[in-house]
């Protein structure tokens, strides 16, 4: 849940929709605009703290500010 919290805390102003879809066998995939940016299965591990947030940031337009700044 920390990935969700990170994304909404920092970029709630640019996220139109965020869905959590339960999966089986510990599936954890993060998809942005139809592109897979993180997969626990492919990486063979849980995301490190802040990792999903950093991957999300790479998808933003240069200069995109965080919420409240």
N, C-alpha and C. Protein backbone atom coordinates (compact mmCIF):
# COMPACT_ATOMS: atom_id res chain seq x y z
N UNK A 1 0.81 -1.19 0.00
CA UNK A 1 0.00 0.00 0.00
C UNK A 1 0.85 1.26 0.00
N UNK A 2 2.12 1.16 0.34
CA UNK A 2 2.93 2.38 0.37
C UNK A 2 3.10 2.97 -1.02
N UNK A 3 3.08 2.13 -2.06
CA UNK A 3 3.19 2.65 -3.43
C UNK A 3 1.96 3.52 -3.74
N UNK A 4 0.79 3.04 -3.37
CA UNK A 4 -0.44 3.81 -3.57
C UNK A 4 -0.39 5.12 -2.80
N UNK A 5 0.01 5.04 -1.55
CA UNK A 5 0.11 6.23 -0.71
C UNK A 5 1.10 7.24 -1.31
N UNK A 6 2.26 6.75 -1.74
CA UNK A 6 3.27 7.62 -2.35
C UNK A 6 2.71 8.33 -3.58
N UNK A 7 2.08 7.57 -4.47
CA UNK A 7 1.57 8.14 -5.71
C UNK A 7 0.51 9.20 -5.45
N UNK A 8 -0.44 8.89 -4.57
CA UNK A 8 -1.51 9.84 -4.30
C UNK A 8 -1.02 11.05 -3.51
N UNK A 9 -0.08 10.86 -2.62
CA UNK A 9 0.44 11.99 -1.84
C UNK A 9 1.17 12.98 -2.74
N UNK A 10 1.98 12.48 -3.65
CA UNK A 10 2.82 13.34 -4.47
C UNK A 10 2.18 13.79 -5.79
N UNK A 11 1.28 12.96 -6.34
CA UNK A 11 0.77 13.26 -7.69
C UNK A 11 -0.74 13.11 -7.84
N UNK A 12 -1.48 13.36 -6.78
CA UNK A 12 -2.94 13.25 -6.87
C UNK A 12 -3.53 14.20 -7.90
N UNK A 13 -2.86 15.28 -8.20
CA UNK A 13 -3.37 16.27 -9.14
C UNK A 13 -3.22 15.83 -10.60
N UNK A 14 -2.46 14.76 -10.88
CA UNK A 14 -2.31 14.29 -12.26
C UNK A 14 -2.85 12.88 -12.47
N UNK A 15 -3.27 12.22 -11.40
CA UNK A 15 -3.81 10.86 -11.51
C UNK A 15 -5.32 10.95 -11.66
N UNK A 16 -5.81 10.51 -12.82
CA UNK A 16 -7.26 10.52 -13.07
C UNK A 16 -7.94 9.32 -12.43
N UNK A 17 -7.24 8.20 -12.40
CA UNK A 17 -7.84 6.98 -11.88
C UNK A 17 -6.73 6.11 -11.32
N UNK A 18 -7.01 5.50 -10.18
CA UNK A 18 -6.09 4.54 -9.59
C UNK A 18 -6.92 3.36 -9.12
N UNK A 19 -6.61 2.19 -9.64
CA UNK A 19 -7.37 0.99 -9.29
C UNK A 19 -6.45 -0.03 -8.65
N UNK A 20 -6.94 -0.65 -7.59
CA UNK A 20 -6.27 -1.79 -6.99
C UNK A 20 -7.07 -3.02 -7.36
N UNK A 21 -6.43 -3.95 -8.04
CA UNK A 21 -7.11 -5.16 -8.50
C UNK A 21 -6.49 -6.35 -7.79
N UNK A 22 -7.25 -7.03 -6.95
CA UNK A 22 -6.69 -8.19 -6.26
C UNK A 22 -6.25 -9.26 -7.25
N UNK A 23 -5.11 -9.82 -6.99
CA UNK A 23 -4.60 -10.91 -7.82
C UNK A 23 -4.26 -12.08 -6.94
N UNK A 24 -3.93 -13.19 -7.55
CA UNK A 24 -3.57 -14.34 -6.74
C UNK A 24 -2.07 -14.58 -6.83
N UNK A 25 -1.56 -15.32 -5.89
CA UNK A 25 -0.15 -15.68 -5.83
C UNK A 25 0.77 -14.47 -5.69
N UNK A 26 0.30 -13.41 -4.99
CA UNK A 26 1.15 -12.26 -4.71
C UNK A 26 1.46 -11.38 -5.89
N UNK A 27 0.60 -11.39 -6.90
CA UNK A 27 0.81 -10.55 -8.08
C UNK A 27 0.83 -9.09 -7.66
N UNK A 28 1.80 -8.33 -8.16
CA UNK A 28 1.85 -6.90 -7.94
C UNK A 28 2.42 -6.27 -9.21
N UNK A 29 1.54 -5.75 -10.04
CA UNK A 29 1.92 -5.08 -11.27
C UNK A 29 1.44 -3.64 -11.20
N UNK A 30 2.23 -2.73 -11.73
CA UNK A 30 1.84 -1.33 -11.80
C UNK A 30 1.81 -0.95 -13.28
N UNK A 31 0.65 -0.52 -13.73
CA UNK A 31 0.43 -0.16 -15.13
C UNK A 31 0.04 1.31 -15.20
N UNK A 32 0.73 2.07 -16.05
CA UNK A 32 0.43 3.49 -16.24
C UNK A 32 0.13 3.70 -17.72
N UNK A 33 -1.06 4.20 -18.00
CA UNK A 33 -1.49 4.45 -19.38
C UNK A 33 -1.27 3.23 -20.27
N UNK A 34 -1.57 2.06 -19.73
CA UNK A 34 -1.47 0.82 -20.50
C UNK A 34 -0.08 0.20 -20.56
N UNK A 35 0.91 0.85 -19.98
CA UNK A 35 2.29 0.34 -19.99
C UNK A 35 2.67 -0.19 -18.61
N UNK A 36 3.19 -1.40 -18.58
CA UNK A 36 3.65 -2.01 -17.34
C UNK A 36 4.95 -1.32 -16.91
N UNK A 37 4.93 -0.70 -15.73
CA UNK A 37 6.17 -0.04 -15.27
C UNK A 37 6.84 -0.81 -14.14
N UNK A 38 6.11 -1.70 -13.46
CA UNK A 38 6.71 -2.55 -12.44
C UNK A 38 5.94 -3.86 -12.36
N UNK A 39 6.67 -4.95 -12.27
CA UNK A 39 6.06 -6.27 -12.09
C UNK A 39 6.87 -7.05 -11.07
N UNK A 40 6.22 -7.41 -9.98
CA UNK A 40 6.88 -8.21 -8.96
C UNK A 40 7.31 -9.55 -9.54
N UNK A 41 6.48 -10.13 -10.37
CA UNK A 41 6.80 -11.42 -10.99
C UNK A 41 8.06 -11.32 -11.87
N UNK A 42 8.11 -10.29 -12.71
CA UNK A 42 9.27 -10.12 -13.61
C UNK A 42 10.54 -9.80 -12.84
N UNK A 43 10.41 -9.00 -11.77
CA UNK A 43 11.58 -8.60 -10.99
C UNK A 43 12.00 -9.68 -9.99
N UNK A 44 11.06 -10.53 -9.63
CA UNK A 44 11.36 -11.58 -8.66
C UNK A 44 11.46 -11.08 -7.23
N UNK A 45 10.88 -9.91 -6.97
CA UNK A 45 10.96 -9.33 -5.63
C UNK A 45 9.88 -8.25 -5.47
N UNK A 46 9.65 -7.89 -4.21
CA UNK A 46 8.77 -6.76 -3.92
C UNK A 46 9.47 -5.47 -4.32
N UNK A 47 8.70 -4.45 -4.63
CA UNK A 47 9.27 -3.14 -4.94
C UNK A 47 9.91 -2.57 -3.68
N UNK A 48 11.03 -1.93 -3.84
CA UNK A 48 11.70 -1.25 -2.72
C UNK A 48 10.91 0.01 -2.40
N UNK A 49 11.01 0.51 -1.15
CA UNK A 49 10.31 1.75 -0.81
C UNK A 49 10.70 2.88 -1.78
N UNK A 50 9.69 3.52 -2.34
CA UNK A 50 9.91 4.64 -3.26
C UNK A 50 10.20 4.24 -4.70
N UNK A 51 10.38 2.96 -4.97
CA UNK A 51 10.74 2.50 -6.32
C UNK A 51 9.62 2.76 -7.33
N UNK A 52 8.39 2.44 -6.98
CA UNK A 52 7.27 2.66 -7.89
C UNK A 52 7.08 4.15 -8.14
N UNK A 53 7.24 4.96 -7.12
CA UNK A 53 7.13 6.41 -7.26
C UNK A 53 8.17 6.93 -8.25
N UNK A 54 9.40 6.46 -8.14
CA UNK A 54 10.45 6.90 -9.07
C UNK A 54 10.15 6.45 -10.50
N UNK A 55 9.65 5.24 -10.66
CA UNK A 55 9.29 4.77 -12.00
C UNK A 55 8.15 5.61 -12.58
N UNK A 56 7.19 5.98 -11.74
CA UNK A 56 6.09 6.83 -12.17
C UNK A 56 6.61 8.20 -12.61
N UNK A 57 7.54 8.74 -11.85
CA UNK A 57 8.10 10.07 -12.18
C UNK A 57 8.74 10.08 -13.56
N UNK A 58 9.33 8.98 -13.98
CA UNK A 58 9.97 8.93 -15.30
C UNK A 58 8.95 9.07 -16.42
N UNK A 59 7.68 8.84 -16.11
CA UNK A 59 6.61 8.93 -17.11
C UNK A 59 6.02 10.32 -17.23
N UNK A 60 6.36 11.21 -16.31
CA UNK A 60 5.79 12.55 -16.29
C UNK A 60 6.52 13.49 -17.23
N UNK A 61 5.84 14.55 -17.60
CA UNK A 61 6.46 15.59 -18.41
C UNK A 61 7.57 16.25 -17.59
N UNK A 62 8.66 16.65 -18.24
CA UNK A 62 9.72 17.34 -17.51
C UNK A 62 9.16 18.59 -16.80
N UNK A 63 9.59 18.79 -15.60
CA UNK A 63 9.15 19.96 -14.84
C UNK A 63 7.83 19.78 -14.09
N UNK A 64 7.21 18.59 -14.21
CA UNK A 64 5.95 18.35 -13.50
C UNK A 64 6.20 18.44 -12.00
N UNK A 65 5.45 19.30 -11.35
CA UNK A 65 5.64 19.52 -9.92
C UNK A 65 4.81 18.56 -9.10
N UNK A 66 5.29 18.30 -7.91
CA UNK A 66 4.52 17.48 -6.97
C UNK A 66 3.35 18.27 -6.43
N UNK A 67 2.36 17.58 -5.95
CA UNK A 67 1.17 18.21 -5.37
C UNK A 67 1.55 19.12 -4.22
N UNK A 68 1.03 20.31 -4.22
CA UNK A 68 1.24 21.25 -3.14
C UNK A 68 2.53 22.04 -3.21
N UNK A 69 3.30 21.88 -4.29
CA UNK A 69 4.55 22.65 -4.39
C UNK A 69 4.45 23.71 -5.45
